Protein backbone atom coordinates (compact mmCIF):
# COMPACT_ATOMS: atom_id res chain seq x y z
CA MET A 1 29.78 -18.06 -123.56
CA ASN A 2 27.46 -17.61 -120.13
CA THR A 3 30.84 -17.57 -118.16
CA VAL A 4 32.16 -14.65 -120.12
CA SER A 5 29.06 -12.85 -119.76
CA SER A 6 28.58 -13.39 -116.41
CA ALA A 7 32.20 -12.26 -115.93
CA ARG A 8 31.64 -9.08 -118.23
CA ASP A 9 28.61 -8.13 -116.08
CA TRP A 10 30.31 -8.37 -112.58
CA LYS A 11 33.26 -6.67 -113.93
CA TYR A 12 30.33 -3.30 -115.03
CA SER A 13 28.57 -3.61 -112.05
CA SER A 14 31.80 -3.37 -109.35
CA VAL A 15 33.01 -0.06 -111.71
CA SER A 16 29.35 1.82 -111.44
CA THR A 17 29.21 1.26 -107.96
CA VAL A 18 31.52 4.42 -106.47
CA VAL A 19 33.83 3.66 -103.61
CA PRO A 20 36.09 5.99 -103.02
CA SER A 21 39.42 5.07 -103.03
CA SER A 22 42.10 5.40 -100.97
CA SER A 23 44.09 8.33 -103.18
CA SER A 24 41.35 10.59 -102.98
CA THR A 25 40.41 10.04 -99.32
CA ARG A 26 43.64 11.03 -98.55
CA LYS A 27 43.77 14.17 -100.90
CA LYS A 28 40.59 15.35 -99.02
CA GLY A 29 42.33 14.77 -95.16
CA LEU A 30 45.86 16.56 -97.26
CA SER A 31 43.46 19.09 -98.41
CA ALA A 32 42.08 19.27 -94.67
CA SER A 33 45.67 19.22 -92.77
CA ILE A 34 47.12 21.93 -95.38
CA ARG A 35 43.98 24.33 -94.72
CA VAL A 36 44.64 23.73 -90.39
CA SER A 37 48.12 24.33 -91.27
CA TRP A 38 47.79 27.03 -93.00
CA THR A 39 45.63 29.25 -90.41
CA TRP A 40 48.01 27.98 -87.49
CA ARG A 41 50.50 29.40 -89.55
CA ILE A 42 48.73 32.30 -90.18
CA SER A 43 48.02 32.88 -86.56
CA VAL A 44 51.25 32.29 -85.33
CA THR A 45 52.50 34.63 -87.35
CA LEU A 46 50.30 37.74 -86.65
CA LYS A 47 51.20 36.61 -82.77
CA TYR A 48 54.23 37.11 -83.42
CA GLU A 49 53.56 40.43 -85.14
CA ILE A 50 51.44 41.59 -82.46
CA LYS A 51 54.00 40.58 -79.43
CA LYS A 52 56.55 42.92 -81.53
CA LEU A 53 54.25 46.07 -81.45
CA ILE A 54 53.46 45.41 -77.80
CA TYR A 55 56.71 45.27 -76.97
CA VAL A 56 57.43 48.39 -79.07
CA HIS A 57 54.57 50.12 -77.38
CA LEU A 58 56.04 49.23 -73.77
CA VAL A 59 59.35 50.94 -74.18
CA ILE A 60 57.83 53.93 -75.33
CA TRP A 61 54.90 53.45 -72.52
CA LEU A 62 58.14 53.48 -70.08
CA LEU A 63 60.15 56.03 -71.16
CA LEU A 64 56.68 58.55 -71.16
CA VAL A 65 56.28 57.03 -67.53
CA ALA A 66 59.78 57.94 -66.92
CA LYS A 67 59.31 61.22 -68.18
CA MET A 68 56.20 62.00 -66.02
CA SER A 69 57.90 60.83 -62.94
CA VAL A 70 60.55 63.22 -63.75
CA GLY A 71 58.84 66.10 -64.00
CA HIS A 72 56.33 65.48 -61.19
CA LEU A 73 59.12 64.64 -58.63
CA ARG A 74 61.58 67.34 -59.88
CA LEU A 75 64.49 65.51 -60.45
CA LEU A 76 65.98 67.96 -63.17
CA SER A 77 64.47 71.52 -63.83
CA HIS A 78 61.68 72.22 -65.47
CA ASP A 79 64.12 73.98 -68.45
CA GLN A 80 65.50 70.35 -69.38
CA VAL A 81 62.27 68.32 -68.71
CA ALA A 82 58.83 69.68 -68.56
CA MET A 83 55.68 68.60 -66.91
CA PRO A 84 53.59 66.32 -68.31
CA TYR A 85 50.66 67.46 -70.92
CA GLN A 86 47.08 66.47 -69.58
CA TRP A 87 46.51 63.87 -72.40
CA GLU A 88 49.58 61.75 -70.88
CA TYR A 89 47.62 61.22 -67.82
CA PRO A 90 44.65 58.94 -69.43
CA TYR A 91 47.17 57.52 -72.05
CA LEU A 92 49.27 55.81 -69.04
CA LEU A 93 46.29 53.38 -69.33
CA SER A 94 47.24 52.43 -73.12
CA ILE A 95 48.96 49.78 -70.87
CA VAL A 96 45.79 47.22 -70.40
CA PRO A 97 45.03 46.52 -73.94
CA SER A 98 48.56 45.53 -74.77
CA LEU A 99 48.29 43.17 -71.43
CA LEU A 100 44.60 42.24 -72.40
CA GLY A 101 46.42 41.37 -75.98
CA LEU A 102 49.06 39.36 -74.40
CA LEU A 103 46.59 36.98 -72.40
CA SER A 104 44.71 36.47 -75.62
CA PHE A 105 47.71 34.44 -77.12
CA PRO A 106 48.22 31.32 -74.89
CA ARG A 107 44.64 29.84 -75.74
CA ASN A 108 43.34 31.90 -78.56
CA ASN A 109 41.14 33.70 -76.53
CA ILE A 110 38.74 35.51 -78.60
CA SER A 111 36.74 37.55 -75.41
CA TYR A 112 40.40 38.77 -74.33
CA LEU A 113 41.46 40.19 -78.04
CA VAL A 114 37.79 41.67 -78.53
CA LEU A 115 38.54 43.40 -74.90
CA SER A 116 41.94 44.59 -76.23
CA MET A 117 40.80 45.86 -79.23
CA ILE A 118 37.67 47.86 -77.86
CA SER A 119 40.57 48.87 -74.78
CA MET A 120 42.58 50.48 -77.45
CA GLY A 121 40.19 52.51 -78.94
CA LEU A 122 39.25 53.97 -76.22
CA PHE A 123 42.55 54.05 -73.54
CA SER A 124 45.37 54.76 -76.41
CA ILE A 125 43.74 56.30 -79.49
CA ALA A 126 40.89 58.36 -77.99
CA PRO A 127 44.32 60.33 -75.12
CA LEU A 128 46.42 60.34 -78.68
CA ILE A 129 43.81 62.44 -80.44
CA TYR A 130 42.92 64.42 -77.46
CA GLY A 131 47.33 64.98 -77.13
CA SER A 132 47.25 66.49 -80.70
CA MET A 133 44.78 68.52 -79.71
CA GLU A 134 45.85 69.87 -76.94
CA MET A 135 49.27 70.65 -78.11
CA PHE A 136 48.62 72.18 -81.68
CA PRO A 137 48.21 75.82 -80.04
CA ALA A 138 51.83 75.47 -78.94
CA ALA A 139 53.23 73.68 -82.37
CA GLN A 140 51.29 76.29 -84.02
CA GLN A 141 53.02 79.50 -82.25
CA LEU A 142 56.57 77.76 -82.58
CA TYR A 143 55.98 76.82 -86.32
CA ARG A 144 54.70 80.75 -86.78
CA HIS A 145 57.24 82.51 -84.04
CA GLY A 146 59.46 80.22 -83.16
CA LYS A 147 58.71 80.21 -79.65
CA ALA A 148 58.93 77.08 -77.22
CA TYR A 149 57.86 77.40 -73.99
CA ARG A 150 58.27 73.48 -72.73
CA PHE A 151 61.29 71.75 -73.52
CA LEU A 152 62.85 68.10 -73.05
CA PHE A 153 66.54 67.71 -73.07
CA GLY A 154 66.79 71.22 -74.90
CA PHE A 155 64.71 70.66 -77.73
CA SER A 156 61.04 71.76 -77.84
CA ALA A 157 58.53 69.38 -75.80
CA VAL A 158 56.05 70.16 -78.70
CA SER A 159 57.93 68.32 -81.55
CA VAL A 160 59.21 65.60 -79.27
CA MET A 161 55.89 64.89 -78.47
CA TYR A 162 54.98 65.11 -81.52
CA LEU A 163 56.90 62.81 -82.77
CA VAL A 164 56.12 60.53 -80.28
CA LEU A 165 52.42 60.58 -81.21
CA VAL A 166 53.22 60.30 -85.32
CA LEU A 167 54.94 56.67 -83.73
CA VAL A 168 52.75 55.63 -80.70
CA VAL A 169 50.10 56.18 -83.96
CA GLN A 170 51.58 53.95 -86.03
CA VAL A 171 51.99 51.26 -83.39
CA HIS A 172 48.15 51.03 -82.33
CA ALA A 173 46.99 51.24 -85.99
CA TRP A 174 49.12 48.26 -86.81
CA GLN A 175 48.33 46.70 -83.82
CA LEU A 176 44.95 47.03 -84.69
CA TYR A 177 45.30 45.83 -88.21
CA TYR A 178 47.17 42.80 -86.76
CA SER A 179 44.86 41.89 -84.06
CA LYS A 180 41.47 42.39 -86.44
CA LYS A 181 43.48 39.95 -89.04
CA LEU A 182 43.82 37.03 -85.82
CA LEU A 183 40.41 37.76 -84.86
CA ASP A 184 39.09 36.67 -88.11
CA SER A 185 41.54 33.78 -88.51
CA TRP A 186 40.60 32.73 -84.96
CA PHE A 187 36.78 32.71 -86.31
CA THR A 188 37.66 30.49 -89.29
CA SER A 189 39.44 28.00 -87.16
CA THR A 190 36.52 27.86 -84.69
CA GLN A 191 33.75 27.65 -87.77
CA GLU A 192 35.61 24.71 -89.24
CA LYS A 193 36.11 22.71 -86.36
CA LYS A 194 32.37 23.51 -85.59
CA ARG A 195 31.61 22.11 -88.88
CA LYS A 196 33.63 18.64 -88.24
């Protein structure tokens, strides 16, 4: 009977000690790898979306440079391509935030991404706000009296440039939104690395 009670005591004593089973450590490792793969997927998706927006911005920027150079070099008459508005000159610097954004992607460089977001406000959004105010009197005159003084291939330059403004504001707004989401995901992954 002593052997039975000693066997029973051994059985209960071994059960009472908590030893992590291999399945629970697998679950912890699995949840950590799922978290890592989830943040990685988010990062890749956001980078892809931002790159698309940067390429759209680059196309619009190249068209604006072409319009400005044709206007200044007088390759076409001013009846076809008007001289550039004043806001178009500082907007040429809007390529800087896009390049900084592209430079931040290979190594997930938070500093470049933050600089890109700050300079986007300075070099992209500020000239667009100024441009909308600069062109407003001409747009108001076109709306009230139907008179346009600047043309772009037969169309009113004010109308065309306001359409460009609307498109570019959307591109920059989405770019800022996705950059902020990407910055948050990079901070999250950085904090997880520090915890380990």
